[in-house]
Amino acid sequence: MEQLRLETLAGCGLAIAGYPRFRYDASGGGGLGLVSPGAEPGRCGLRFAPEGLQIPPLESRTTRFLGLPLPPGLTITIVPQQLEGELEPATGQLKLRFQACFRFAVGQLYRAPDLRIDTTLVTGEVSGRRHRASGQPCNASGEALLVGIAVVPPCGDPWLDRFLGLPDEALALLRCRLDSSEA
């Protein structure tokens, strides 16, 4: 079975609830996926094993909010649970279901319950009650911008749920590159 490498890049973003968008450099992340025949002609299925995916955490070195780095010690770790979907090679259109746990921590002082995210990342347009974005199909070098909107349920921590106003929407922007030559 053919393999495909997904590489996460700089130029990503994340917004939750009514807060302004975070700028996020996800460079250095990614993983290998398996390519299979798609459900329709002209498409191929993609499946990335969650345990093989690495996504850099949101922290002071990778993330800026309102132009400033996140405070030292504040970390949001992303633990992938699922990343799979379809690619239409002729058009570069990509659609991936993404499920992950986002783990919010402040050093050793505070660790919140997981924020569970379930969204479909696409290279087209997404629009929700609060957020809107447009992706970009894979270009000749395999680079794409995936966008997705998820409803984030409460995590069960009264302070964090109130601070984020959960349940509410989150917007993800993932700039990535797909490459079959490095797989």
Protein backbone atom coordinates (compact mmCIF):
# COMPACT_ATOMS: atom_id res chain seq x y z
CA MET A 1 0.00 0.00 0.00
CA GLU A 2 1.30 3.47 -0.90
CA GLN A 3 2.33 5.86 1.87
CA LEU A 4 2.05 9.63 2.03
CA ARG A 5 3.85 12.01 4.39
CA LEU A 6 1.91 14.86 5.99
CA GLU A 7 4.10 17.71 7.22
CA THR A 8 2.65 20.52 9.34
CA LEU A 9 3.94 24.00 8.52
CA ALA A 10 4.11 27.56 9.83
CA GLY A 11 1.16 29.86 9.14
CA CYS A 12 -1.48 27.94 11.10
CA GLY A 13 -4.12 29.40 13.37
CA LEU A 14 -6.67 28.61 16.03
CA ALA A 15 -9.59 30.54 17.48
CA ILE A 16 -11.95 29.53 20.23
CA ALA A 17 -15.21 31.18 21.23
CA GLY A 18 -15.10 34.96 20.84
CA TYR A 19 -11.35 35.25 21.42
CA PRO A 20 -9.14 36.61 18.61
CA ARG A 21 -7.26 34.11 16.48
CA PHE A 22 -3.99 32.63 17.74
CA ARG A 23 -1.12 32.52 15.22
CA TYR A 24 0.53 29.13 15.41
CA ASP A 25 3.72 27.73 13.91
CA ALA A 26 3.20 23.97 13.60
CA SER A 27 6.50 23.41 11.74
CA GLY A 28 8.09 20.05 12.32
CA GLY A 29 4.96 18.03 12.97
CA GLY A 30 3.24 15.41 10.87
CA GLY A 31 3.30 11.71 10.18
CA LEU A 32 2.90 8.95 7.62
CA GLY A 33 -0.44 7.96 6.17
CA LEU A 34 -1.68 5.10 4.07
CA VAL A 35 -3.26 5.73 0.67
CA SER A 36 -6.11 3.49 -0.49
CA PRO A 37 -8.70 3.59 -3.29
CA GLY A 38 -11.34 6.24 -2.62
CA ALA A 39 -15.09 5.80 -2.33
CA GLU A 40 -15.50 7.43 -5.75
CA PRO A 41 -13.39 7.34 -8.94
CA GLY A 42 -10.68 10.02 -9.00
CA ARG A 43 -10.32 10.06 -5.22
CA CYS A 44 -8.04 8.25 -2.84
CA GLY A 45 -8.53 7.46 0.81
CA LEU A 46 -6.01 8.66 3.41
CA ARG A 47 -5.53 7.32 6.90
CA PHE A 48 -2.93 8.54 9.36
CA ALA A 49 -2.32 6.38 12.44
CA PRO A 50 -2.90 8.66 15.47
CA GLU A 51 0.03 7.20 17.39
CA GLY A 52 2.36 8.18 14.53
CA LEU A 53 1.14 11.78 14.27
CA GLN A 54 3.04 14.53 16.01
CA ILE A 55 1.60 18.02 16.32
CA PRO A 56 3.72 20.65 18.08
CA PRO A 57 2.12 22.04 21.24
CA LEU A 58 0.78 25.57 21.46
CA GLU A 59 3.28 27.30 23.74
CA SER A 60 5.39 30.46 23.94
CA ARG A 61 7.79 29.32 21.15
CA THR A 62 5.07 28.32 18.66
CA THR A 63 2.06 30.53 19.38
CA ARG A 64 1.27 34.23 19.41
CA PHE A 65 -1.91 35.81 20.71
CA LEU A 66 -2.60 39.49 20.02
CA GLY A 67 0.98 39.70 18.71
CA LEU A 68 2.56 38.39 21.90
CA PRO A 69 3.88 34.89 22.67
CA LEU A 70 1.83 32.76 25.03
CA PRO A 71 3.03 33.18 28.63
CA PRO A 72 5.87 30.80 29.63
CA GLY A 73 4.51 27.64 31.23
CA LEU A 74 1.15 27.81 29.44
CA THR A 75 0.97 24.79 27.13
CA ILE A 76 -1.78 23.23 25.05
CA THR A 77 -0.76 19.76 23.95
CA ILE A 78 -2.62 18.21 20.99
CA VAL A 79 -3.16 14.43 21.18
CA PRO A 80 -4.56 13.13 17.86
CA GLN A 81 -7.24 10.43 18.01
CA GLN A 82 -8.17 10.24 14.30
CA LEU A 83 -7.06 11.81 11.01
CA GLU A 84 -8.52 10.25 7.89
CA GLY A 85 -10.45 11.17 4.79
CA GLU A 86 -10.07 11.66 1.05
CA LEU A 87 -7.87 13.45 -1.48
CA GLU A 88 -8.90 14.29 -5.02
CA PRO A 89 -5.46 14.48 -6.74
CA ALA A 90 -6.76 16.16 -9.94
CA THR A 91 -8.12 19.19 -8.05
CA GLY A 92 -6.06 19.09 -4.84
CA GLN A 93 -9.26 19.02 -2.76
CA LEU A 94 -8.69 17.40 0.62
CA LYS A 95 -11.14 16.44 3.36
CA LEU A 96 -9.97 14.90 6.66
CA ARG A 97 -11.90 14.05 9.80
CA PHE A 98 -9.83 15.18 12.75
CA GLN A 99 -10.46 14.12 16.33
CA ALA A 100 -8.09 15.12 19.12
CA CYS A 101 -7.78 15.94 22.77
CA PHE A 102 -6.40 19.37 23.59
CA ARG A 103 -4.66 19.34 27.00
CA PHE A 104 -4.39 22.74 28.68
CA ALA A 105 -1.75 23.10 31.42
CA VAL A 106 0.04 25.84 33.33
CA GLY A 107 3.33 24.27 34.38
CA GLN A 108 2.73 21.80 37.19
CA LEU A 109 0.17 24.11 38.85
CA TYR A 110 -2.89 23.38 36.76
CA ARG A 111 -4.02 20.69 34.34
CA ALA A 112 -7.51 20.89 32.89
CA PRO A 113 -9.57 17.94 31.67
CA ASP A 114 -9.20 17.31 27.94
CA LEU A 115 -11.00 19.54 25.48
CA ARG A 116 -12.37 17.08 22.92
CA ILE A 117 -12.33 18.30 19.34
CA ASP A 118 -14.13 16.61 16.44
CA THR A 119 -14.13 18.42 13.11
CA THR A 120 -13.74 17.93 9.39
CA LEU A 121 -10.78 19.80 7.94
CA VAL A 122 -11.31 20.83 4.31
CA THR A 123 -9.57 22.81 1.58
CA GLY A 124 -12.85 24.57 0.78
CA GLU A 125 -14.91 26.99 2.83
CA VAL A 126 -16.29 26.59 6.33
CA SER A 127 -18.79 28.75 8.10
CA GLY A 128 -20.24 28.53 11.57
CA ARG A 129 -22.21 30.73 13.91
CA ARG A 130 -19.10 32.63 14.99
CA HIS A 131 -16.25 31.74 12.60
CA ARG A 132 -15.67 31.60 8.84
CA ALA A 133 -12.59 30.65 6.79
CA SER A 134 -11.45 29.46 3.37
CA GLY A 135 -8.90 26.75 2.78
CA GLN A 136 -6.61 26.26 -0.19
CA PRO A 137 -6.33 23.05 -2.26
CA CYS A 138 -3.01 21.25 -2.59
CA ASN A 139 -0.76 23.09 -5.03
CA ALA A 140 1.94 21.62 -7.28
CA SER A 141 4.33 21.24 -4.32
CA GLY A 142 1.65 19.52 -2.19
CA GLU A 143 1.01 22.48 0.12
CA ALA A 144 -2.55 23.11 1.29
CA LEU A 145 -4.48 25.06 3.89
CA LEU A 146 -7.08 22.99 5.73
CA VAL A 147 -9.81 24.72 7.74
CA GLY A 148 -12.43 23.36 10.09
CA ILE A 149 -14.98 24.43 12.66
CA ALA A 150 -15.82 22.34 15.71
CA VAL A 151 -18.28 22.76 18.55
CA VAL A 152 -16.22 22.39 21.71
CA PRO A 153 -18.21 20.81 24.53
CA PRO A 154 -17.57 21.73 28.17
CA CYS A 155 -14.59 19.90 29.64
CA GLY A 156 -16.04 19.68 33.14
CA ASP A 157 -13.68 22.15 34.81
CA PRO A 158 -15.93 25.03 35.94
CA TRP A 159 -13.14 27.64 35.70
CA LEU A 160 -11.99 26.70 32.16
CA ASP A 161 -15.54 26.15 30.89
CA ARG A 162 -16.50 29.63 32.11
CA PHE A 163 -13.25 31.25 30.86
CA LEU A 164 -13.76 29.81 27.35
CA GLY A 165 -17.56 30.13 27.43
CA LEU A 166 -18.04 26.46 26.58
CA PRO A 167 -19.82 25.06 24.73
CA ASP A 168 -18.78 27.27 21.80
CA GLU A 169 -17.12 27.07 18.40
CA ALA A 170 -13.46 26.70 17.58
CA LEU A 171 -11.78 27.37 14.25
CA ALA A 172 -8.66 25.54 13.09
CA LEU A 173 -6.38 26.53 10.22
CA LEU A 174 -3.75 23.92 9.35
CA ARG A 175 -1.13 24.70 6.73
CA CYS A 176 0.46 21.44 5.61
CA ARG A 177 2.30 19.64 2.84
CA LEU A 178 1.52 16.17 1.45
CA ASP A 179 4.47 14.36 -0.11
CA SER A 180 4.61 10.84 -1.49
CA SER A 181 8.33 11.02 -2.35
CA GLU A 182 9.45 11.16 1.30
CA ALA A 183 7.15 8.43 2.54
